[in-house]
Amino acid sequence: MVAVVSSSAVVLSVAVFVACAVEMVEALTIVFAVGHTRGWGAALRGAATALATLAALVALFGPALVRVPLGGLRLVVGALLLVFGLQWLRKAILRSSGLKARHDEDAVYAETVTELSGAPTGPPGDRVAFVVAFKGVFLEGLEVVITVLTLGVSAHRLTLAVASAAAAVVVVGVVGAVVSRQLSAVPENAMKLIVGVMLVSFGTFWTGEGLKVHWIGGDVMIVGLVATYLVVAWLLIAWIRQRASSVTGVAR
């Protein structure tokens, strides 16, 4: 029993940590671009306002999730995680196989700098910088909140999910402070593949739980699902690469 609880907790912690780290990388890239281009005052005010707004939303609506019947919650959340996770997994597979351009934080940084460079200086420019920083932190932070609440509440381990998210924030913040300008050194594409696999695995497990499926081994089945989806993703990437090489060879 201890091993079952332990393995489930580890998988949940890793899923939340990696998912939150991905969103943090994207949010910090935007904030750094705003700070270096338009000044740190507007960037930090925008980020702080976004965090305060998210905190208010969690305080208002977060507790309501705890009162939802667990069976119904797992079915709804499981279905949502399947849809959300399959989108992440699809993009990650296409990027890993070379059919889609890899997500590039340098490109995000450069695009944000270009957008801000054309903004007027002074108060109007500060407002533009504030909005860009607010938007980046709020949207990415909202995904973090949804991930933590859905995974944590559904697994009855909200405290663990919050702790994992906090650890991700600290780790990415430290990396951001060291890198200072952008976070392109973080292997975000690989992280997104892992997140996609984990979200689909949790989605499959909780959808089954909501439908009264009795999983062999209980929560340990999550580990089996993660391993299965990883193998399937790897086989798909290898197959797509081989197909692309064959098409290229025929074209030549």
Protein backbone atom coordinates (compact mmCIF):
# COMPACT_ATOMS: atom_id res chain seq x y z
CA MET A 1 0.00 0.00 0.00
CA VAL A 2 2.83 2.38 0.82
CA ALA A 3 4.45 1.62 -2.54
CA VAL A 4 1.15 2.34 -4.36
CA VAL A 5 0.68 5.68 -2.63
CA SER A 6 4.33 6.54 -3.11
CA SER A 7 4.39 5.82 -6.86
CA SER A 8 1.17 7.74 -7.45
CA ALA A 9 2.50 10.71 -5.48
CA VAL A 10 5.77 10.72 -7.44
CA VAL A 11 3.99 10.68 -10.80
CA LEU A 12 1.66 13.47 -9.68
CA SER A 13 4.58 15.56 -8.40
CA VAL A 14 6.55 15.17 -11.61
CA ALA A 15 3.52 15.95 -13.80
CA VAL A 16 2.69 19.13 -11.89
CA PHE A 17 6.34 20.21 -11.64
CA VAL A 18 7.10 19.80 -15.35
CA ALA A 19 3.81 21.35 -16.51
CA CYS A 20 4.27 24.39 -14.26
CA ALA A 21 7.93 24.72 -15.24
CA VAL A 22 6.97 24.89 -18.92
CA GLU A 23 4.47 27.69 -18.29
CA MET A 24 6.95 29.53 -16.07
CA VAL A 25 9.61 29.43 -18.80
CA GLU A 26 7.22 31.06 -21.25
CA ALA A 27 6.01 33.69 -18.77
CA LEU A 28 9.53 34.64 -17.65
CA THR A 29 10.74 34.94 -21.24
CA ILE A 30 8.07 37.56 -21.89
CA VAL A 31 8.76 39.41 -18.62
CA PHE A 32 12.51 39.49 -19.32
CA ALA A 33 11.88 40.82 -22.82
CA VAL A 34 9.69 43.60 -21.41
CA GLY A 35 12.16 44.38 -18.62
CA HIS A 36 15.21 44.63 -20.86
CA THR A 37 13.38 46.57 -23.58
CA ARG A 38 11.09 48.97 -21.69
CA GLY A 39 12.40 48.92 -18.14
CA TRP A 40 11.85 46.67 -15.17
CA GLY A 41 9.32 48.93 -13.43
CA ALA A 42 6.48 48.30 -15.89
CA ALA A 43 7.47 44.65 -16.32
CA LEU A 44 7.41 43.89 -12.60
CA ARG A 45 4.18 45.85 -12.05
CA GLY A 46 2.48 43.90 -14.84
CA ALA A 47 3.73 40.58 -13.48
CA ALA A 48 2.75 41.44 -9.90
CA THR A 49 -0.74 42.57 -10.96
CA ALA A 50 -1.24 39.34 -12.91
CA LEU A 51 -0.20 37.25 -9.90
CA ALA A 52 -2.54 39.23 -7.62
CA THR A 53 -5.42 38.72 -10.06
CA LEU A 54 -4.75 34.99 -10.22
CA ALA A 55 -4.60 34.80 -6.42
CA ALA A 56 -7.99 36.53 -6.20
CA LEU A 57 -9.52 34.13 -8.73
CA VAL A 58 -8.19 31.12 -6.82
CA ALA A 59 -9.53 32.51 -3.54
CA LEU A 60 -12.98 33.03 -5.09
CA PHE A 61 -13.42 29.90 -7.20
CA GLY A 62 -10.72 27.44 -6.13
CA PRO A 63 -12.45 26.11 -2.98
CA ALA A 64 -15.58 25.26 -4.99
CA LEU A 65 -13.70 22.41 -6.67
CA VAL A 66 -13.14 20.71 -3.33
CA ARG A 67 -16.90 20.37 -2.78
CA VAL A 68 -17.57 18.68 -6.12
CA PRO A 69 -18.25 14.88 -5.84
CA LEU A 70 -14.97 13.09 -6.55
CA GLY A 71 -16.38 10.64 -9.11
CA GLY A 72 -17.98 13.31 -11.27
CA LEU A 73 -14.95 15.58 -10.88
CA ARG A 74 -12.55 12.87 -12.04
CA LEU A 75 -14.70 12.10 -15.09
CA VAL A 76 -14.90 15.76 -16.16
CA VAL A 77 -11.27 16.54 -15.33
CA GLY A 78 -10.10 13.30 -16.93
CA ALA A 79 -11.85 14.14 -20.19
CA LEU A 80 -10.43 17.69 -20.16
CA LEU A 81 -6.92 16.41 -19.44
CA LEU A 82 -7.22 13.95 -22.31
CA VAL A 83 -8.14 16.72 -24.74
CA PHE A 84 -5.54 19.13 -23.37
CA GLY A 85 -2.84 16.46 -23.11
CA LEU A 86 -3.45 15.10 -26.61
CA GLN A 87 -2.97 18.61 -28.00
CA TRP A 88 0.37 18.95 -26.18
CA LEU A 89 1.41 15.46 -27.23
CA ARG A 90 0.46 15.98 -30.87
CA LYS A 91 2.52 19.18 -31.14
CA ALA A 92 5.46 17.64 -29.27
CA ILE A 93 5.47 14.59 -31.56
CA LEU A 94 5.31 16.76 -34.68
CA ARG A 95 8.16 18.93 -33.37
CA SER A 96 10.31 15.96 -32.37
CA SER A 97 9.75 14.32 -35.76
CA GLY A 98 10.67 17.50 -37.64
CA LEU A 99 7.24 18.21 -39.18
CA LYS A 100 6.70 21.29 -37.01
CA ALA A 101 9.17 23.98 -36.01
CA ARG A 102 10.44 23.56 -32.46
CA HIS A 103 9.30 26.11 -29.89
CA ASP A 104 12.11 28.63 -29.61
CA GLU A 105 12.28 30.91 -26.56
CA ASP A 106 14.85 33.06 -28.39
CA ALA A 107 12.25 33.66 -31.10
CA VAL A 108 9.60 34.50 -28.47
CA TYR A 109 12.02 36.91 -26.83
CA ALA A 110 12.92 38.56 -30.15
CA GLU A 111 9.26 38.85 -31.16
CA THR A 112 8.35 40.51 -27.86
CA VAL A 113 11.30 42.91 -28.14
CA THR A 114 10.27 43.84 -31.69
CA GLU A 115 6.69 44.46 -30.56
CA LEU A 116 7.80 46.69 -27.70
CA SER A 117 10.45 48.54 -29.70
CA GLY A 118 7.77 50.20 -31.79
CA ALA A 119 5.80 51.38 -28.74
CA PRO A 120 6.06 55.03 -27.70
CA THR A 121 8.27 55.98 -24.78
CA GLY A 122 7.02 57.53 -21.56
CA PRO A 123 3.69 56.71 -19.90
CA PRO A 124 2.02 55.31 -23.08
CA GLY A 125 4.98 52.99 -23.62
CA ASP A 126 4.90 51.98 -19.98
CA ARG A 127 1.25 51.03 -20.38
CA VAL A 128 2.09 48.86 -23.37
CA ALA A 129 4.91 47.16 -21.43
CA PHE A 130 2.61 46.68 -18.43
CA VAL A 131 -0.08 45.03 -20.57
CA VAL A 132 2.38 42.73 -22.34
CA ALA A 133 3.91 41.57 -19.04
CA PHE A 134 0.47 41.21 -17.43
CA LYS A 135 -0.87 39.19 -20.36
CA GLY A 136 2.10 36.83 -20.43
CA VAL A 137 2.11 36.11 -16.70
CA PHE A 138 -1.68 35.92 -16.38
CA LEU A 139 -2.25 33.51 -19.27
CA GLU A 140 0.62 31.20 -18.37
CA GLY A 141 -0.21 31.48 -14.66
CA LEU A 142 -3.83 30.59 -15.35
CA GLU A 143 -2.68 27.34 -16.94
CA VAL A 144 -0.56 26.66 -13.84
CA VAL A 145 -3.57 27.26 -11.57
CA ILE A 146 -5.80 24.98 -13.65
CA THR A 147 -3.14 22.26 -13.67
CA VAL A 148 -2.56 22.42 -9.91
CA LEU A 149 -6.24 22.53 -8.97
CA THR A 150 -7.43 19.83 -11.36
CA LEU A 151 -4.60 17.38 -10.73
CA GLY A 152 -4.34 18.11 -7.01
CA VAL A 153 -8.04 18.02 -6.16
CA SER A 154 -8.78 15.00 -8.37
CA ALA A 155 -5.99 13.00 -6.72
CA HIS A 156 -6.88 14.26 -3.23
CA ARG A 157 -3.31 15.60 -3.01
CA LEU A 158 -3.78 19.34 -3.44
CA THR A 159 -1.02 20.15 -0.93
CA LEU A 160 1.44 17.99 -2.85
CA ALA A 161 0.42 19.59 -6.15
CA VAL A 162 0.84 23.09 -4.72
CA ALA A 163 4.27 22.15 -3.30
CA SER A 164 5.37 20.77 -6.68
CA ALA A 165 4.19 23.92 -8.46
CA ALA A 166 6.02 26.09 -5.92
CA ALA A 167 9.18 24.05 -6.48
CA ALA A 168 8.85 24.60 -10.24
CA VAL A 169 8.47 28.34 -9.71
CA VAL A 170 11.60 28.45 -7.55
CA VAL A 171 13.69 26.32 -9.92
CA VAL A 172 12.71 28.22 -13.06
CA GLY A 173 13.12 31.52 -11.21
CA VAL A 174 16.67 30.59 -10.23
CA VAL A 175 17.46 29.48 -13.79
CA GLY A 176 15.95 32.72 -15.07
CA ALA A 177 18.08 34.77 -12.69
CA VAL A 178 21.20 32.96 -13.86
CA VAL A 179 20.37 33.15 -17.56
CA SER A 180 19.10 36.71 -17.05
CA ARG A 181 17.94 37.34 -20.61
CA GLN A 182 16.14 34.33 -21.98
CA LEU A 183 15.53 30.72 -21.07
CA SER A 184 16.38 29.03 -24.37
CA ALA A 185 18.78 26.67 -22.59
CA VAL A 186 15.82 24.93 -20.93
CA PRO A 187 14.81 21.88 -23.06
CA GLU A 188 11.20 23.01 -23.32
CA ASN A 189 10.24 20.81 -26.27
CA ALA A 190 11.28 17.67 -24.40
CA MET A 191 9.43 18.93 -21.33
CA LYS A 192 6.27 19.44 -23.37
CA LEU A 193 6.46 15.87 -24.66
CA ILE A 194 6.71 14.60 -21.07
CA VAL A 195 3.86 16.86 -19.95
CA GLY A 196 1.67 15.66 -22.83
CA VAL A 197 2.31 12.03 -21.92
CA MET A 198 1.56 12.63 -18.24
CA LEU A 199 -1.61 14.64 -18.88
CA VAL A 200 -2.93 11.97 -21.23
CA SER A 201 -2.01 9.27 -18.69
CA PHE A 202 -3.82 11.04 -15.83
CA GLY A 203 -6.72 11.82 -18.16
CA THR A 204 -7.06 8.17 -19.14
CA PHE A 205 -6.83 6.99 -15.54
CA TRP A 206 -9.33 9.47 -14.11
CA THR A 207 -11.78 9.08 -16.98
CA GLY A 208 -11.73 5.36 -16.25
CA GLU A 209 -12.18 6.03 -12.53
CA GLY A 210 -15.16 8.27 -13.28
CA LEU A 211 -16.65 5.49 -15.42
CA LYS A 212 -16.15 2.97 -12.56
CA VAL A 213 -13.29 1.14 -14.29
CA HIS A 214 -11.32 -1.00 -11.84
CA TRP A 215 -7.69 -0.52 -12.80
CA ILE A 216 -5.30 -3.41 -12.19
CA GLY A 217 -2.96 -2.39 -9.38
CA GLY A 218 -4.95 0.75 -8.56
CA ASP A 219 -2.93 3.97 -8.73
CA VAL A 220 0.15 2.04 -9.86
CA MET A 221 -1.58 1.80 -13.25
CA ILE A 222 -0.73 5.47 -13.79
CA VAL A 223 2.94 4.49 -14.05
CA GLY A 224 2.02 1.81 -16.59
CA LEU A 225 0.00 4.31 -18.62
CA VAL A 226 2.90 6.79 -18.62
CA ALA A 227 5.29 4.09 -19.84
CA THR A 228 2.81 2.94 -22.51
CA TYR A 229 2.20 6.43 -23.88
CA LEU A 230 5.93 7.19 -23.88
CA VAL A 231 6.58 4.09 -25.97
CA VAL A 232 3.72 4.94 -28.34
CA ALA A 233 5.00 8.53 -28.71
CA TRP A 234 8.53 7.29 -29.40
CA LEU A 235 7.27 4.82 -32.02
CA LEU A 236 5.17 7.53 -33.69
CA ILE A 237 8.15 9.91 -33.81
CA ALA A 238 10.37 7.20 -35.31
CA TRP A 239 7.67 6.24 -37.85
CA ILE A 240 7.03 9.85 -38.92
CA ARG A 241 10.76 10.49 -39.30
CA GLN A 242 11.13 7.37 -41.43
CA ARG A 243 8.17 8.37 -43.60
CA ALA A 244 9.56 11.88 -44.02
CA SER A 245 12.97 10.47 -45.01
CA SER A 246 11.33 8.13 -47.55
CA VAL A 247 9.36 10.99 -49.11
CA THR A 248 12.50 13.13 -49.27
CA GLY A 249 14.43 10.26 -50.89
CA VAL A 250 11.72 9.72 -53.52
CA ALA A 251 11.57 13.46 -54.25
CA ARG A 252 15.30 13.48 -54.95
